[in-house]
């Protein structure tokens, strides 16, 4: 069952009540190229010179970085450090609350894609949510196939300028929602069934655009020797696939031959130093910006924090800071 544009436009209301009836490896084809670029916002990333036409699905614009604040319980959409699930968190300054916007010009209705701190895409799944949560599990996923419709979100209007992120299923539309209005420990974000004429504030998200600046924000790293709570079954070694990269004249990312290495731990600083040693020629981590890419069709995003606590292979693009075409 699909959601019509007319239905989406009619989702709006003025009340603050809980439920109020509303008034009646390279860019994927069709993906906004500018989404792989950025200026640098508070939780954003360094800018690229890749040209592209701006694409907009109000209030989202391809290439921008945003935070999404939940109206029902407060807190921001947060890419969990495991690199798996998504939650609501009040630590606004964390890079995990920043999401890069891509616009897919799908027919008949465009979709928005949101990439988190680890390059992975906000994704609906067919898996049930964890105990105590409503609806379906929401994950951070890679982008491997052009028909990966689980990472695309339709945008509807909520109250007071907020938005509702909808995912179409055979059983009807579902909406991205927070949990734990009363059980505050319950911070997981899931998808739940939605009545398009009556929207819960737990499904409404205020979009806060992160201003772009010319400089990369500071890294957000774990304290030295900090104890890591490894997820069950997660190994401490991870395969890193990496290469030099730059933007070509057509705005597409170009790169040299891929290399690989085994890396122990998740420290961004140690990773950068090891990669610099492998690259040689006087390369230093201080002169590099690492872009992390999730899947063959994923767009890279600057890696500003330690690697996520998962052990599947990680794709890294190395941009040199002194190059005019760095990320």
Protein backbone atom coordinates (compact mmCIF):
# COMPACT_ATOMS: atom_id res chain seq x y z
CA UNK A 1 0.00 0.00 0.00
CA UNK A 2 1.45 3.35 -1.03
CA UNK A 3 0.86 6.76 0.50
CA UNK A 4 -0.43 9.43 -1.86
CA UNK A 5 0.99 12.93 -2.01
CA UNK A 6 -2.47 14.25 -1.13
CA UNK A 7 -2.53 12.19 2.07
CA UNK A 8 0.92 13.44 3.03
CA UNK A 9 0.01 17.10 2.53
CA UNK A 10 -3.06 16.79 4.72
CA UNK A 11 -1.13 15.78 7.87
CA UNK A 12 -1.13 18.99 9.88
CA UNK A 13 -2.68 20.34 13.08
CA UNK A 14 -2.15 23.05 15.69
CA UNK A 15 -2.76 21.41 19.06
CA UNK A 16 -0.15 20.22 21.55
CA UNK A 17 -2.32 17.32 22.69
CA UNK A 18 -0.85 13.81 22.44
CA UNK A 19 -3.11 12.84 19.53
CA UNK A 20 -5.12 15.41 17.66
CA UNK A 21 -7.05 14.90 14.41
CA UNK A 22 -5.41 16.64 11.49
CA UNK A 23 -7.08 18.86 8.96
CA UNK A 24 -8.80 17.09 5.95
CA UNK A 25 31.17 2.51 -3.87
CA UNK A 26 30.20 5.49 -5.80
CA UNK A 27 26.99 7.54 -5.76
CA UNK A 28 23.78 5.77 -6.71
CA UNK A 29 22.07 6.94 -9.86
CA UNK A 30 19.50 9.54 -8.97
CA UNK A 31 21.10 10.37 -5.64
CA UNK A 32 21.90 14.03 -5.05
CA UNK A 33 25.66 14.26 -5.43
CA UNK A 34 25.83 17.18 -3.03
CA UNK A 35 24.82 14.84 -0.22
CA UNK A 36 28.38 13.59 -0.07
CA UNK A 37 29.61 17.11 0.50
CA UNK A 38 29.22 19.41 3.40
CA UNK A 39 30.45 22.47 4.97
CA UNK A 40 31.12 21.80 8.56
CA UNK A 41 28.43 22.30 11.10
CA UNK A 42 28.57 21.70 14.82
CA UNK A 43 28.23 18.01 14.19
CA UNK A 44 28.72 18.14 10.47
CA UNK A 45 31.70 17.70 8.21
CA UNK A 46 34.21 19.50 6.09
CA UNK A 47 33.06 20.90 2.78
CA UNK A 48 33.82 19.59 -0.69
CA UNK A 49 33.93 21.38 -3.98
CA UNK A 50 31.74 18.88 -5.78
CA UNK A 51 29.17 20.78 -7.88
CA UNK A 52 25.51 19.80 -8.03
CA UNK A 53 22.03 21.17 -8.25
CA UNK A 54 20.31 21.45 -4.90
CA UNK A 55 17.32 19.15 -4.45
CA UNK A 56 14.66 19.90 -1.87
CA UNK A 57 11.89 18.04 -0.11
CA UNK A 58 10.73 20.68 2.33
CA UNK A 59 12.10 21.20 4.89
CA UNK A 60 15.00 18.96 3.81
CA UNK A 61 17.62 20.00 1.27
CA UNK A 62 20.15 17.66 -0.30
CA UNK A 63 23.62 18.17 1.14
CA UNK A 64 22.60 19.73 4.44
CA UNK A 65 23.17 18.30 7.92
CA UNK A 66 20.30 18.24 10.38
CA UNK A 67 19.34 17.21 13.88
CA UNK A 68 15.90 15.74 14.51
CA UNK A 69 14.33 16.55 17.87
CA UNK A 70 11.37 14.49 19.00
CA UNK A 71 8.35 16.58 20.06
CA UNK A 72 6.82 13.91 22.26
CA UNK A 73 9.64 13.27 24.72
CA UNK A 74 12.44 15.61 23.72
CA UNK A 75 15.91 14.44 22.79
CA UNK A 76 17.51 13.93 19.40
CA UNK A 77 17.62 11.09 16.90
CA UNK A 78 20.90 9.35 17.79
CA UNK A 79 23.00 6.83 15.84
CA UNK A 80 23.94 4.31 18.53
CA UNK A 81 27.65 3.64 19.05
CA UNK A 82 27.14 -0.02 18.20
CA UNK A 83 26.44 1.10 14.62
CA UNK A 84 23.26 -0.95 14.76
CA UNK A 85 20.20 0.62 16.35
CA UNK A 86 18.88 4.15 16.79
CA UNK A 87 17.69 5.93 19.92
CA UNK A 88 16.73 9.31 21.37
CA UNK A 89 19.47 11.12 23.27
CA UNK A 90 19.67 14.56 24.93
CA UNK A 91 23.39 15.06 24.21
CA UNK A 92 22.78 17.54 21.42
CA UNK A 93 26.45 18.28 20.80
CA UNK A 94 27.33 14.67 19.96
CA UNK A 95 28.17 14.02 16.32
CA UNK A 96 25.84 11.00 16.58
CA UNK A 97 22.88 13.42 16.48
CA UNK A 98 23.92 14.84 13.09
CA UNK A 99 22.35 13.35 9.95
CA UNK A 100 23.38 14.06 6.37
CA UNK A 101 20.48 14.53 3.95
CA UNK A 102 20.23 12.90 0.52
CA UNK A 103 17.29 13.26 -1.84
CA UNK A 104 16.19 10.39 -4.08
CA UNK A 105 14.07 11.57 -7.00
CA UNK A 106 11.89 8.48 -7.05
CA UNK A 107 8.56 8.36 -8.89
CA UNK A 108 5.87 9.28 -8.03
CA UNK A 109 7.10 10.67 -4.70
CA UNK A 110 10.69 11.69 -3.82
CA UNK A 111 12.28 10.13 -0.76
CA UNK A 112 14.75 11.40 1.80
CA UNK A 113 17.74 9.34 2.94
CA UNK A 114 19.49 10.12 6.23
CA UNK A 115 23.10 9.09 6.93
CA UNK A 116 24.42 9.02 10.47
CA UNK A 117 27.85 9.44 12.06
CA UNK A 118 29.07 6.04 10.80
CA UNK A 119 27.91 6.56 7.21
CA UNK A 120 25.04 4.11 7.67
CA UNK A 121 21.50 4.93 6.63
CA UNK A 122 18.44 5.25 8.84
CA UNK A 123 16.47 2.17 7.89
CA UNK A 124 13.12 0.57 8.62
CA UNK A 125 13.26 -3.21 8.97
CA UNK A 126 10.84 -6.11 9.05
CA UNK A 127 12.16 -7.19 12.45
CA UNK A 128 10.07 -6.59 15.54
CA UNK A 129 11.33 -3.97 17.96
CA UNK A 130 13.08 -5.01 21.16
CA UNK A 131 11.06 -5.84 24.27
CA UNK A 132 9.22 -2.84 25.66
CA UNK A 133 9.24 -0.93 22.37
CA UNK A 134 6.38 -0.31 19.96
CA UNK A 135 6.39 -1.53 16.35
CA UNK A 136 9.36 -2.43 14.15
CA UNK A 137 13.11 -2.24 14.71
CA UNK A 138 14.94 0.72 13.15
CA UNK A 139 18.56 0.12 12.18
CA UNK A 140 21.63 1.75 10.68
CA UNK A 141 22.14 -0.03 7.34
CA UNK A 142 24.48 -0.01 4.38
CA UNK A 143 23.33 0.98 0.88
CA UNK A 144 24.10 -1.87 -1.52
CA UNK A 145 21.29 -1.99 -4.08
CA UNK A 146 19.42 0.73 -5.95
CA UNK A 147 16.07 -0.77 -4.94
CA UNK A 148 16.84 -0.64 -1.19
CA UNK A 149 13.52 1.03 -0.38
CA UNK A 150 13.86 0.36 3.35
CA UNK A 151 16.22 3.36 3.67
CA UNK A 152 13.87 5.83 1.95
CA UNK A 153 11.49 8.05 3.92
CA UNK A 154 8.45 10.01 2.81
CA UNK A 155 8.00 13.38 4.48
CA UNK A 156 4.70 14.61 5.90
CA UNK A 157 3.91 17.74 7.86
CA UNK A 158 3.40 17.61 11.62
CA UNK A 159 2.51 20.33 14.08
CA UNK A 160 4.45 23.54 14.67
CA UNK A 161 6.71 23.01 11.70
CA UNK A 162 7.67 19.45 12.59
CA UNK A 163 7.77 16.54 10.17
CA UNK A 164 6.62 12.94 10.20
CA UNK A 165 8.94 10.40 8.52
CA UNK A 166 6.85 7.74 6.83
CA UNK A 167 7.80 4.35 5.47
CA UNK A 168 5.35 2.63 3.12
CA UNK A 169 4.65 -1.07 3.69
CA UNK A 170 2.16 -3.56 2.23
CA UNK A 171 0.12 -3.20 5.42
CA UNK A 172 -0.02 0.58 5.22
CA UNK A 173 2.27 3.45 6.21
CA UNK A 174 4.40 3.35 9.34
CA UNK A 175 6.11 6.33 10.98
CA UNK A 176 9.42 6.80 12.74
CA UNK A 177 8.64 7.17 16.42
CA UNK A 178 10.26 7.61 19.79
CA UNK A 179 9.38 5.42 22.78
CA UNK A 180 9.32 6.02 26.51
CA UNK A 181 7.05 9.00 27.04
CA UNK A 182 6.51 7.77 30.59
CA UNK A 183 9.18 5.06 30.92
CA UNK A 184 12.09 7.41 30.35
CA UNK A 185 14.69 4.65 30.28
CA UNK A 186 13.05 3.35 27.11
CA UNK A 187 14.95 5.43 24.53
CA UNK A 188 14.75 3.22 21.44
CA UNK A 189 13.42 4.59 18.14
CA UNK A 190 11.14 2.33 16.12
CA UNK A 191 8.49 2.43 13.39
CA UNK A 192 4.83 2.20 14.34
CA UNK A 193 1.51 2.14 12.56
CA UNK A 194 0.14 5.59 11.92
CA UNK A 195 -3.33 7.04 11.40
CA UNK A 196 -2.79 9.77 8.84
CA UNK A 197 -5.64 11.79 10.30
CA UNK A 198 -4.38 11.61 13.89
CA UNK A 199 -0.66 11.91 14.58
CA UNK A 200 1.08 11.23 17.90
CA UNK A 201 3.69 13.76 18.97
CA UNK A 202 6.02 10.78 19.48
CA UNK A 203 6.07 10.60 15.66
CA UNK A 204 6.80 14.29 15.14
CA UNK A 205 10.35 15.51 14.62
CA UNK A 206 11.57 19.08 14.64
CA UNK A 207 14.21 19.61 11.96
CA UNK A 208 17.18 21.70 13.12
CA UNK A 209 19.55 22.57 10.29
CA UNK A 210 23.23 22.54 11.30
CA UNK A 211 25.00 25.64 9.90
CA UNK A 212 27.85 24.85 7.54
CA UNK A 213 31.28 26.29 8.20
CA UNK A 214 34.58 26.11 6.35
CA UNK A 215 36.40 24.20 9.10
CA UNK A 216 35.99 20.65 10.26
CA UNK A 217 34.64 20.35 13.81
CA UNK A 218 36.85 18.76 16.47
CA UNK A 219 36.94 15.01 16.75
CA UNK A 220 34.80 13.40 19.45
CA UNK A 221 36.83 10.50 20.79
CA UNK A 222 36.56 8.12 23.70
CA UNK A 223 38.85 8.95 26.63
CA UNK A 224 42.21 7.13 26.48
CA UNK A 225 42.01 3.60 27.91
CA UNK A 226 38.24 3.90 28.26
CA UNK A 227 36.57 0.57 28.87
CA UNK A 228 34.52 -0.56 25.87
CA UNK A 229 31.38 -2.63 26.36
CA UNK A 230 31.64 -4.86 23.31
CA UNK A 231 28.31 -6.17 21.97
CA UNK A 232 27.89 -9.92 22.28
CA UNK A 233 29.62 -11.72 19.44
CA UNK A 234 31.53 -8.65 18.23
CA UNK A 235 35.25 -9.15 17.65
CA UNK A 236 37.82 -6.47 18.46
CA UNK A 237 39.53 -6.76 15.05
CA UNK A 238 37.94 -5.20 11.98
CA UNK A 239 38.88 -5.19 8.29
CA UNK A 240 39.52 -1.72 6.86
CA UNK A 241 39.27 -1.20 3.09
CA UNK A 242 40.69 2.18 2.11
CA UNK A 243 42.08 4.34 -0.67
CA UNK A 244 43.06 7.87 -1.64
CA UNK A 245 40.04 9.77 -3.00
CA UNK A 246 39.11 13.13 -4.52
CA UNK A 247 36.26 14.76 -6.42
CA UNK A 248 36.54 14.78 -10.20
CA UNK A 249 35.40 17.57 -12.49
CA UNK A 250 31.97 15.92 -12.86
CA UNK A 251 31.40 15.93 -9.10
CA UNK A 252 31.80 12.16 -8.75
CA UNK A 253 34.28 10.72 -6.29
CA UNK A 254 37.35 9.21 -7.91
CA UNK A 255 39.93 7.09 -6.13
CA UNK A 256 43.08 5.03 -6.48
CA UNK A 257 43.39 1.27 -6.03
CA UNK A 258 41.83 -0.18 -2.88
CA UNK A 259 44.04 -1.42 -0.04
CA UNK A 260 43.10 -3.35 3.06
CA UNK A 261 44.36 -3.79 6.59
CA UNK A 262 43.35 -5.50 9.81
CA UNK A 263 42.80 -3.04 12.62
CA UNK A 264 42.56 -3.79 16.33
CA UNK A 265 40.13 -1.68 18.34
CA UNK A 266 38.00 1.27 17.27
CA UNK A 267 40.15 4.36 17.98
CA UNK A 268 39.94 6.94 15.20
CA UNK A 269 43.34 8.38 16.13
CA UNK A 270 45.07 5.01 16.04
CA UNK A 271 43.32 4.15 12.78
CA UNK A 272 44.44 7.39 11.15
CA UNK A 273 48.03 6.94 12.28
CA UNK A 274 48.19 3.35 11.03
CA UNK A 275 46.75 4.33 7.66
CA UNK A 276 49.22 7.22 7.38
CA UNK A 277 52.11 4.80 7.99
CA UNK A 278 50.84 2.50 5.25
CA UNK A 279 50.37 5.35 2.76
CA UNK A 280 53.86 6.72 3.49
CA UNK A 281 55.35 9.67 1.56
CA UNK A 282 55.25 11.84 4.66
CA UNK A 283 51.46 11.53 5.04
CA UNK A 284 50.24 12.37 8.56
CA UNK A 285 46.85 11.86 10.13
CA UNK A 286 46.62 15.61 10.84
CA UNK A 287 46.56 16.23 7.07
CA UNK A 288 43.85 13.68 6.34
CA UNK A 289 40.08 13.66 6.44
CA UNK A 290 38.63 10.16 6.57
CA UNK A 291 35.30 9.59 4.89
CA UNK A 292 33.42 6.45 5.92
CA UNK A 293 31.19 4.82 3.31
CA UNK A 294 28.48 2.25 4.04
CA UNK A 295 27.97 -0.01 1.05
CA UNK A 296 28.72 0.16 -2.66
CA UNK A 297 26.09 2.84 -3.27
CA UNK A 298 26.59 4.70 -0.01
CA UNK A 299 27.76 8.28 0.06
CA UNK A 300 30.79 8.90 2.31
CA UNK A 301 30.49 11.05 5.39
CA UNK A 302 33.45 12.50 7.35
CA UNK A 303 34.38 10.22 10.23
CA UNK A 304 34.57 12.46 13.31
CA UNK A 305 34.39 9.87 16.05
CA UNK A 306 35.69 6.39 16.84
CA UNK A 307 34.54 3.48 14.71
CA UNK A 308 31.24 1.81 15.65
CA UNK A 309 31.27 -1.33 17.77
CA UNK A 310 30.64 -3.80 14.99
CA UNK A 311 33.10 -6.03 13.16
CA UNK A 312 31.98 -6.12 9.54
CA UNK A 313 34.37 -4.51 6.99
CA UNK A 314 34.67 -0.71 6.96
CA UNK A 315 35.22 1.32 3.78
CA UNK A 316 37.34 4.45 4.25
CA UNK A 317 38.13 7.15 1.67
CA UNK A 318 41.20 9.25 2.47
CA UNK A 319 40.98 12.89 1.41
CA UNK A 320 44.04 15.10 1.83
CA UNK A 321 43.26 18.35 3.65
CA UNK A 322 45.63 20.41 1.49
CA UNK A 323 43.79 19.31 -1.66
CA UNK A 324 41.12 21.63 -3.15
CA UNK A 325 38.86 18.60 -3.56
CA UNK A 326 38.87 17.19 -0.05
CA UNK A 327 35.68 16.04 1.69
